[in-house]
Amino acid sequence: MAACLGFPAGVASNGITVFQPQILVLGATVAILSAVIPYSLEMTALKRIPAGTAGILLSLEPGVAALAGLLVLGPVELIATRVCHESFASRCSPSRSHRPSPSERRLRKVLLTGHSPACRVGR
């Protein structure tokens, strides 16, 4: 996904030079080293360690990523990332004070009963 989003920007800034074989090999190498290898190592480790240890390590992963982001990106980018995560989490978490709109109530009724009032045939 990142390559699809970044590719037009690379072509716009560097033109046809992004199609040079050295650049393509470098991009493929970065993709493999940053995604495939860590994922395969994580899956291999999860098979070999106890479930409790795996749960602790996986719960520490976001915190370690935040610290790495602080060291690499600096505090401003980390704060922006935190704001994005918090807004996403607050939007996705159910709220007790949220009252469904009439359209949400109709949709819920259709999903629960399987009958839509708009699809009455012959009436």
N, C-alpha and C. Protein backbone atom coordinates (compact mmCIF):
# COMPACT_ATOMS: atom_id res chain seq x y z
N MET A 1 0.82 -1.18 0.00
CA MET A 1 0.00 0.00 0.00
C MET A 1 0.87 1.25 0.00
N ALA A 2 1.91 1.24 0.81
CA ALA A 2 2.78 2.41 0.87
C ALA A 2 3.46 2.65 -0.47
N ALA A 3 3.82 1.57 -1.17
CA ALA A 3 4.45 1.74 -2.47
C ALA A 3 3.48 2.36 -3.47
N CYS A 4 2.22 1.96 -3.39
CA CYS A 4 1.21 2.53 -4.30
C CYS A 4 0.99 4.01 -4.03
N LEU A 5 1.05 4.40 -2.76
CA LEU A 5 0.86 5.81 -2.42
C LEU A 5 2.11 6.64 -2.70
N GLY A 6 3.27 6.07 -2.49
CA GLY A 6 4.52 6.81 -2.67
C GLY A 6 5.03 6.85 -4.09
N PHE A 7 4.61 5.90 -4.92
CA PHE A 7 5.10 5.83 -6.29
C PHE A 7 4.80 7.09 -7.11
N PRO A 8 3.57 7.62 -7.10
CA PRO A 8 3.32 8.84 -7.88
C PRO A 8 4.17 10.02 -7.42
N ALA A 9 4.42 10.13 -6.13
CA ALA A 9 5.25 11.21 -5.62
C ALA A 9 6.69 11.04 -6.09
N GLY A 10 7.16 9.82 -6.14
CA GLY A 10 8.52 9.56 -6.63
C GLY A 10 8.66 9.89 -8.10
N VAL A 11 7.66 9.52 -8.89
CA VAL A 11 7.70 9.84 -10.32
C VAL A 11 7.61 11.35 -10.53
N ALA A 12 6.78 12.02 -9.72
CA ALA A 12 6.63 13.47 -9.88
C ALA A 12 7.91 14.21 -9.51
N SER A 13 8.63 13.73 -8.52
CA SER A 13 9.83 14.45 -8.09
C SER A 13 11.09 14.04 -8.85
N ASN A 14 11.17 12.79 -9.28
CA ASN A 14 12.40 12.30 -9.93
C ASN A 14 12.22 11.87 -11.37
N GLY A 15 11.00 11.85 -11.84
CA GLY A 15 10.76 11.48 -13.23
C GLY A 15 11.02 10.01 -13.49
N ILE A 16 11.59 9.72 -14.63
CA ILE A 16 11.78 8.35 -15.08
C ILE A 16 12.92 7.63 -14.35
N THR A 17 13.70 8.35 -13.55
CA THR A 17 14.83 7.71 -12.87
C THR A 17 14.39 6.65 -11.87
N VAL A 18 13.14 6.68 -11.44
CA VAL A 18 12.68 5.65 -10.50
C VAL A 18 12.58 4.28 -11.16
N PHE A 19 12.65 4.22 -12.48
CA PHE A 19 12.57 2.95 -13.20
C PHE A 19 13.94 2.34 -13.47
N GLN A 20 15.01 2.96 -12.97
CA GLN A 20 16.35 2.39 -13.15
C GLN A 20 16.45 1.10 -12.35
N PRO A 21 17.15 0.10 -12.89
CA PRO A 21 17.24 -1.19 -12.20
C PRO A 21 17.80 -1.10 -10.78
N GLN A 22 18.79 -0.21 -10.58
CA GLN A 22 19.37 -0.09 -9.24
C GLN A 22 18.32 0.40 -8.24
N ILE A 23 17.49 1.34 -8.65
CA ILE A 23 16.47 1.89 -7.76
C ILE A 23 15.41 0.83 -7.47
N LEU A 24 15.01 0.07 -8.49
CA LEU A 24 14.01 -0.98 -8.30
C LEU A 24 14.52 -2.08 -7.38
N VAL A 25 15.79 -2.47 -7.53
CA VAL A 25 16.38 -3.49 -6.66
C VAL A 25 16.47 -2.97 -5.23
N LEU A 26 16.86 -1.71 -5.08
CA LEU A 26 16.93 -1.12 -3.74
C LEU A 26 15.55 -1.07 -3.09
N GLY A 27 14.54 -0.71 -3.84
CA GLY A 27 13.17 -0.68 -3.31
C GLY A 27 12.68 -2.05 -2.90
N ALA A 28 12.97 -3.06 -3.73
CA ALA A 28 12.57 -4.43 -3.39
C ALA A 28 13.31 -4.92 -2.15
N THR A 29 14.58 -4.56 -2.02
CA THR A 29 15.36 -4.96 -0.86
C THR A 29 14.81 -4.33 0.41
N VAL A 30 14.48 -3.07 0.35
CA VAL A 30 13.90 -2.39 1.52
C VAL A 30 12.57 -3.03 1.89
N ALA A 31 11.76 -3.35 0.89
CA ALA A 31 10.47 -3.98 1.16
C ALA A 31 10.64 -5.33 1.86
N ILE A 32 11.58 -6.11 1.40
CA ILE A 32 11.79 -7.43 2.00
C ILE A 32 12.36 -7.30 3.41
N LEU A 33 13.33 -6.42 3.57
CA LEU A 33 13.95 -6.28 4.89
C LEU A 33 13.03 -5.65 5.91
N SER A 34 12.11 -4.80 5.48
CA SER A 34 11.27 -4.11 6.45
C SER A 34 9.95 -4.80 6.73
N ALA A 35 9.54 -5.75 5.91
CA ALA A 35 8.24 -6.38 6.12
C ALA A 35 8.31 -7.90 6.20
N VAL A 36 8.87 -8.52 5.22
CA VAL A 36 8.82 -9.97 5.13
C VAL A 36 9.66 -10.64 6.21
N ILE A 37 10.87 -10.20 6.38
CA ILE A 37 11.76 -10.85 7.35
C ILE A 37 11.25 -10.68 8.78
N PRO A 38 10.89 -9.46 9.24
CA PRO A 38 10.37 -9.36 10.61
C PRO A 38 9.10 -10.17 10.83
N TYR A 39 8.20 -10.19 9.85
CA TYR A 39 6.96 -10.95 10.01
C TYR A 39 7.25 -12.44 10.11
N SER A 40 8.12 -12.95 9.26
CA SER A 40 8.42 -14.38 9.32
C SER A 40 9.14 -14.75 10.61
N LEU A 41 10.03 -13.87 11.10
CA LEU A 41 10.69 -14.15 12.38
C LEU A 41 9.69 -14.14 13.53
N GLU A 42 8.72 -13.21 13.49
CA GLU A 42 7.71 -13.16 14.54
C GLU A 42 6.84 -14.41 14.54
N MET A 43 6.45 -14.87 13.38
CA MET A 43 5.63 -16.09 13.30
C MET A 43 6.41 -17.31 13.77
N THR A 44 7.69 -17.38 13.43
CA THR A 44 8.52 -18.48 13.89
C THR A 44 8.66 -18.45 15.41
N ALA A 45 8.87 -17.27 15.96
CA ALA A 45 9.02 -17.15 17.42
C ALA A 45 7.71 -17.50 18.13
N LEU A 46 6.57 -17.10 17.58
CA LEU A 46 5.30 -17.40 18.23
C LEU A 46 5.02 -18.89 18.31
N LYS A 47 5.56 -19.65 17.38
CA LYS A 47 5.38 -21.11 17.41
C LYS A 47 6.21 -21.75 18.52
N ARG A 48 7.30 -21.10 18.91
CA ARG A 48 8.25 -21.73 19.81
C ARG A 48 8.19 -21.26 21.25
N ILE A 49 7.50 -20.16 21.53
CA ILE A 49 7.46 -19.66 22.90
C ILE A 49 6.08 -19.92 23.50
N PRO A 50 5.98 -19.97 24.83
CA PRO A 50 4.68 -20.20 25.47
C PRO A 50 3.69 -19.06 25.19
N ALA A 51 2.42 -19.38 25.29
CA ALA A 51 1.37 -18.40 24.95
C ALA A 51 1.42 -17.17 25.86
N GLY A 52 1.71 -17.36 27.14
CA GLY A 52 1.78 -16.23 28.07
C GLY A 52 2.90 -15.27 27.71
N THR A 53 4.06 -15.81 27.37
CA THR A 53 5.19 -14.98 26.97
C THR A 53 4.88 -14.26 25.67
N ALA A 54 4.25 -14.95 24.75
CA ALA A 54 3.89 -14.31 23.48
C ALA A 54 2.91 -13.17 23.71
N GLY A 55 1.96 -13.35 24.61
CA GLY A 55 1.00 -12.29 24.90
C GLY A 55 1.67 -11.07 25.48
N ILE A 56 2.63 -11.28 26.39
CA ILE A 56 3.35 -10.15 26.98
C ILE A 56 4.17 -9.43 25.92
N LEU A 57 4.88 -10.19 25.10
CA LEU A 57 5.70 -9.56 24.07
C LEU A 57 4.85 -8.79 23.06
N LEU A 58 3.71 -9.35 22.67
CA LEU A 58 2.85 -8.67 21.72
C LEU A 58 2.21 -7.43 22.33
N SER A 59 1.95 -7.45 23.63
CA SER A 59 1.39 -6.26 24.27
C SER A 59 2.43 -5.16 24.43
N LEU A 60 3.70 -5.52 24.49
CA LEU A 60 4.77 -4.53 24.58
C LEU A 60 5.11 -3.90 23.23
N GLU A 61 4.72 -4.54 22.15
CA GLU A 61 5.10 -4.09 20.81
C GLU A 61 4.68 -2.66 20.49
N PRO A 62 3.45 -2.22 20.78
CA PRO A 62 3.10 -0.83 20.48
C PRO A 62 3.91 0.19 21.29
N GLY A 63 4.21 -0.14 22.52
CA GLY A 63 5.02 0.77 23.34
C GLY A 63 6.44 0.90 22.82
N VAL A 64 7.03 -0.22 22.43
CA VAL A 64 8.37 -0.19 21.86
C VAL A 64 8.37 0.58 20.55
N ALA A 65 7.32 0.40 19.75
CA ALA A 65 7.21 1.14 18.50
C ALA A 65 7.08 2.64 18.75
N ALA A 66 6.35 3.01 19.80
CA ALA A 66 6.22 4.44 20.14
C ALA A 66 7.55 5.02 20.58
N LEU A 67 8.31 4.27 21.38
CA LEU A 67 9.63 4.76 21.79
C LEU A 67 10.58 4.87 20.60
N ALA A 68 10.54 3.90 19.70
CA ALA A 68 11.37 3.98 18.51
C ALA A 68 10.95 5.17 17.65
N GLY A 69 9.65 5.42 17.57
CA GLY A 69 9.18 6.59 16.83
C GLY A 69 9.64 7.88 17.45
N LEU A 70 9.68 7.94 18.78
CA LEU A 70 10.16 9.13 19.47
C LEU A 70 11.64 9.37 19.16
N LEU A 71 12.43 8.30 19.15
CA LEU A 71 13.85 8.44 18.87
C LEU A 71 14.11 8.81 17.41
N VAL A 72 13.37 8.20 16.50
CA VAL A 72 13.63 8.41 15.08
C VAL A 72 12.95 9.68 14.56
N LEU A 73 11.69 9.87 14.91
CA LEU A 73 10.92 10.97 14.33
C LEU A 73 10.95 12.24 15.15
N GLY A 74 11.15 12.13 16.43
CA GLY A 74 11.12 13.30 17.28
C GLY A 74 9.74 13.46 17.89
N PRO A 75 9.62 14.38 18.86
CA PRO A 75 8.36 14.49 19.60
C PRO A 75 7.18 15.01 18.79
N VAL A 76 7.40 15.87 17.81
CA VAL A 76 6.28 16.47 17.08
C VAL A 76 5.53 15.41 16.28
N GLU A 77 6.25 14.59 15.54
CA GLU A 77 5.61 13.55 14.74
C GLU A 77 4.96 12.50 15.63
N LEU A 78 5.59 12.22 16.78
CA LEU A 78 5.02 11.24 17.69
C LEU A 78 3.70 11.74 18.26
N ILE A 79 3.63 13.02 18.58
CA ILE A 79 2.38 13.59 19.09
C ILE A 79 1.31 13.53 18.02
N ALA A 80 1.66 13.84 16.78
CA ALA A 80 0.69 13.76 15.69
C ALA A 80 0.19 12.33 15.50
N THR A 81 1.10 11.37 15.59
CA THR A 81 0.70 9.97 15.48
C THR A 81 -0.22 9.58 16.64
N ARG A 82 0.09 10.04 17.82
CA ARG A 82 -0.73 9.73 19.00
C ARG A 82 -2.13 10.30 18.85
N VAL A 83 -2.23 11.52 18.34
CA VAL A 83 -3.54 12.14 18.14
C VAL A 83 -4.36 11.32 17.14
N CYS A 84 -3.73 10.86 16.08
CA CYS A 84 -4.44 10.03 15.09
C CYS A 84 -4.92 8.73 15.72
N HIS A 85 -4.07 8.09 16.50
CA HIS A 85 -4.45 6.83 17.14
C HIS A 85 -5.58 7.04 18.14
N GLU A 86 -5.48 8.10 18.93
CA GLU A 86 -6.52 8.37 19.92
C GLU A 86 -7.86 8.68 19.26
N SER A 87 -7.83 9.45 18.17
CA SER A 87 -9.09 9.77 17.51
C SER A 87 -9.70 8.52 16.89
N PHE A 88 -8.88 7.64 16.34
CA PHE A 88 -9.38 6.39 15.78
C PHE A 88 -9.96 5.51 16.88
N ALA A 89 -9.25 5.41 18.00
CA ALA A 89 -9.73 4.57 19.10
C ALA A 89 -11.02 5.12 19.69
N SER A 90 -11.12 6.43 19.82
CA SER A 90 -12.34 6.99 20.40
C SER A 90 -13.52 6.85 19.45
N ARG A 91 -13.26 6.88 18.15
CA ARG A 91 -14.34 6.72 17.18
C ARG A 91 -14.82 5.27 17.11
N CYS A 92 -13.91 4.34 17.29
CA CYS A 92 -14.28 2.93 17.17
C CYS A 92 -14.82 2.34 18.46
N SER A 93 -14.55 2.97 19.59
CA SER A 93 -15.04 2.40 20.84
C SER A 93 -16.50 2.79 21.06
N PRO A 94 -17.30 1.85 21.56
CA PRO A 94 -18.71 2.17 21.78
C PRO A 94 -18.88 3.17 22.92
N SER A 95 -19.77 4.08 22.75
CA SER A 95 -20.03 5.09 23.76
C SER A 95 -21.39 4.84 24.38
N ARG A 96 -21.48 4.97 25.68
CA ARG A 96 -22.76 4.74 26.35
C ARG A 96 -23.73 5.89 26.10
N SER A 97 -23.20 7.07 25.85
CA SER A 97 -24.07 8.23 25.64
C SER A 97 -24.53 8.36 24.20
N HIS A 98 -24.04 7.50 23.31
CA HIS A 98 -24.41 7.59 21.90
C HIS A 98 -25.82 7.05 21.69
N ARG A 99 -26.67 7.86 21.11
CA ARG A 99 -28.01 7.40 20.74
C ARG A 99 -28.05 7.24 19.24
N PRO A 100 -28.49 6.07 18.78
CA PRO A 100 -28.51 5.85 17.34
C PRO A 100 -29.50 6.77 16.63
N SER A 101 -29.11 7.20 15.45
CA SER A 101 -29.99 8.03 14.65
C SER A 101 -31.13 7.18 14.10
N PRO A 102 -32.17 7.80 13.57
CA PRO A 102 -33.27 7.01 12.99
C PRO A 102 -32.79 6.06 11.90
N SER A 103 -31.85 6.51 11.07
CA SER A 103 -31.36 5.62 10.01
C SER A 103 -30.58 4.45 10.60
N GLU A 104 -29.81 4.69 11.68
CA GLU A 104 -29.11 3.59 12.33
C GLU A 104 -30.08 2.60 12.96
N ARG A 105 -31.18 3.11 13.54
CA ARG A 105 -32.18 2.22 14.13
C ARG A 105 -32.85 1.38 13.05
N ARG A 106 -33.18 2.01 11.91
CA ARG A 106 -33.79 1.24 10.81
C ARG A 106 -32.85 0.17 10.30
N LEU A 107 -31.56 0.53 10.14
CA LEU A 107 -30.59 -0.44 9.66
C LEU A 107 -30.45 -1.59 10.64
N ARG A 108 -30.41 -1.28 11.93
CA ARG A 108 -30.31 -2.33 12.95
C ARG A 108 -31.52 -3.25 12.89
N LYS A 109 -32.71 -2.67 12.68
CA LYS A 109 -33.93 -3.47 12.60
C LYS A 109 -33.90 -4.38 11.38
N VAL A 110 -33.43 -3.85 10.26
CA VAL A 110 -33.33 -4.67 9.04
C VAL A 110 -32.34 -5.80 9.24
N LEU A 111 -31.21 -5.50 9.87
CA LEU A 111 -30.20 -6.54 10.09
C LEU A 111 -30.68 -7.61 11.06
N LEU A 112 -31.44 -7.22 12.06
CA LEU A 112 -31.92 -8.19 13.04
C LEU A 112 -33.08 -9.02 12.52
N THR A 113 -33.99 -8.41 11.77
CA THR A 113 -35.17 -9.14 11.31
C THR A 113 -35.02 -9.70 9.90
N GLY A 114 -34.18 -9.06 9.10
CA GLY A 114 -34.01 -9.51 7.73
C GLY A 114 -35.07 -8.96 6.79
N HIS A 115 -35.96 -8.11 7.28
CA HIS A 115 -37.02 -7.53 6.46
C HIS A 115 -36.84 -6.02 6.38
N SER A 116 -36.83 -5.52 5.20
CA SER A 116 -36.70 -4.08 5.00
C SER A 116 -38.07 -3.49 4.70
N PRO A 117 -38.47 -2.40 5.37
CA PRO A 117 -39.76 -1.79 5.08
C PRO A 117 -39.80 -1.19 3.68
N ALA A 118 -38.67 -0.90 3.09
CA ALA A 118 -38.64 -0.30 1.75
C ALA A 118 -38.82 -1.35 0.66
N CYS A 119 -38.72 -2.62 1.00
CA CYS A 119 -38.78 -3.69 0.00
C CYS A 119 -40.12 -4.42 0.02
N ARG A 120 -41.15 -3.77 0.40
CA ARG A 120 -42.48 -4.42 0.41
C ARG A 120 -43.00 -4.48 -1.02
N VAL A 121 -43.19 -5.68 -1.49
CA VAL A 121 -43.64 -5.89 -2.86
C VAL A 121 -45.16 -6.10 -2.85
N GLY A 122 -45.87 -5.43 -3.76
CA GLY A 122 -47.30 -5.60 -3.92
C GLY A 122 -48.12 -4.77 -2.98
N ARG A 123 -47.57 -3.84 -2.29
CA ARG A 123 -48.34 -2.98 -1.38
C ARG A 123 -48.31 -1.57 -1.85
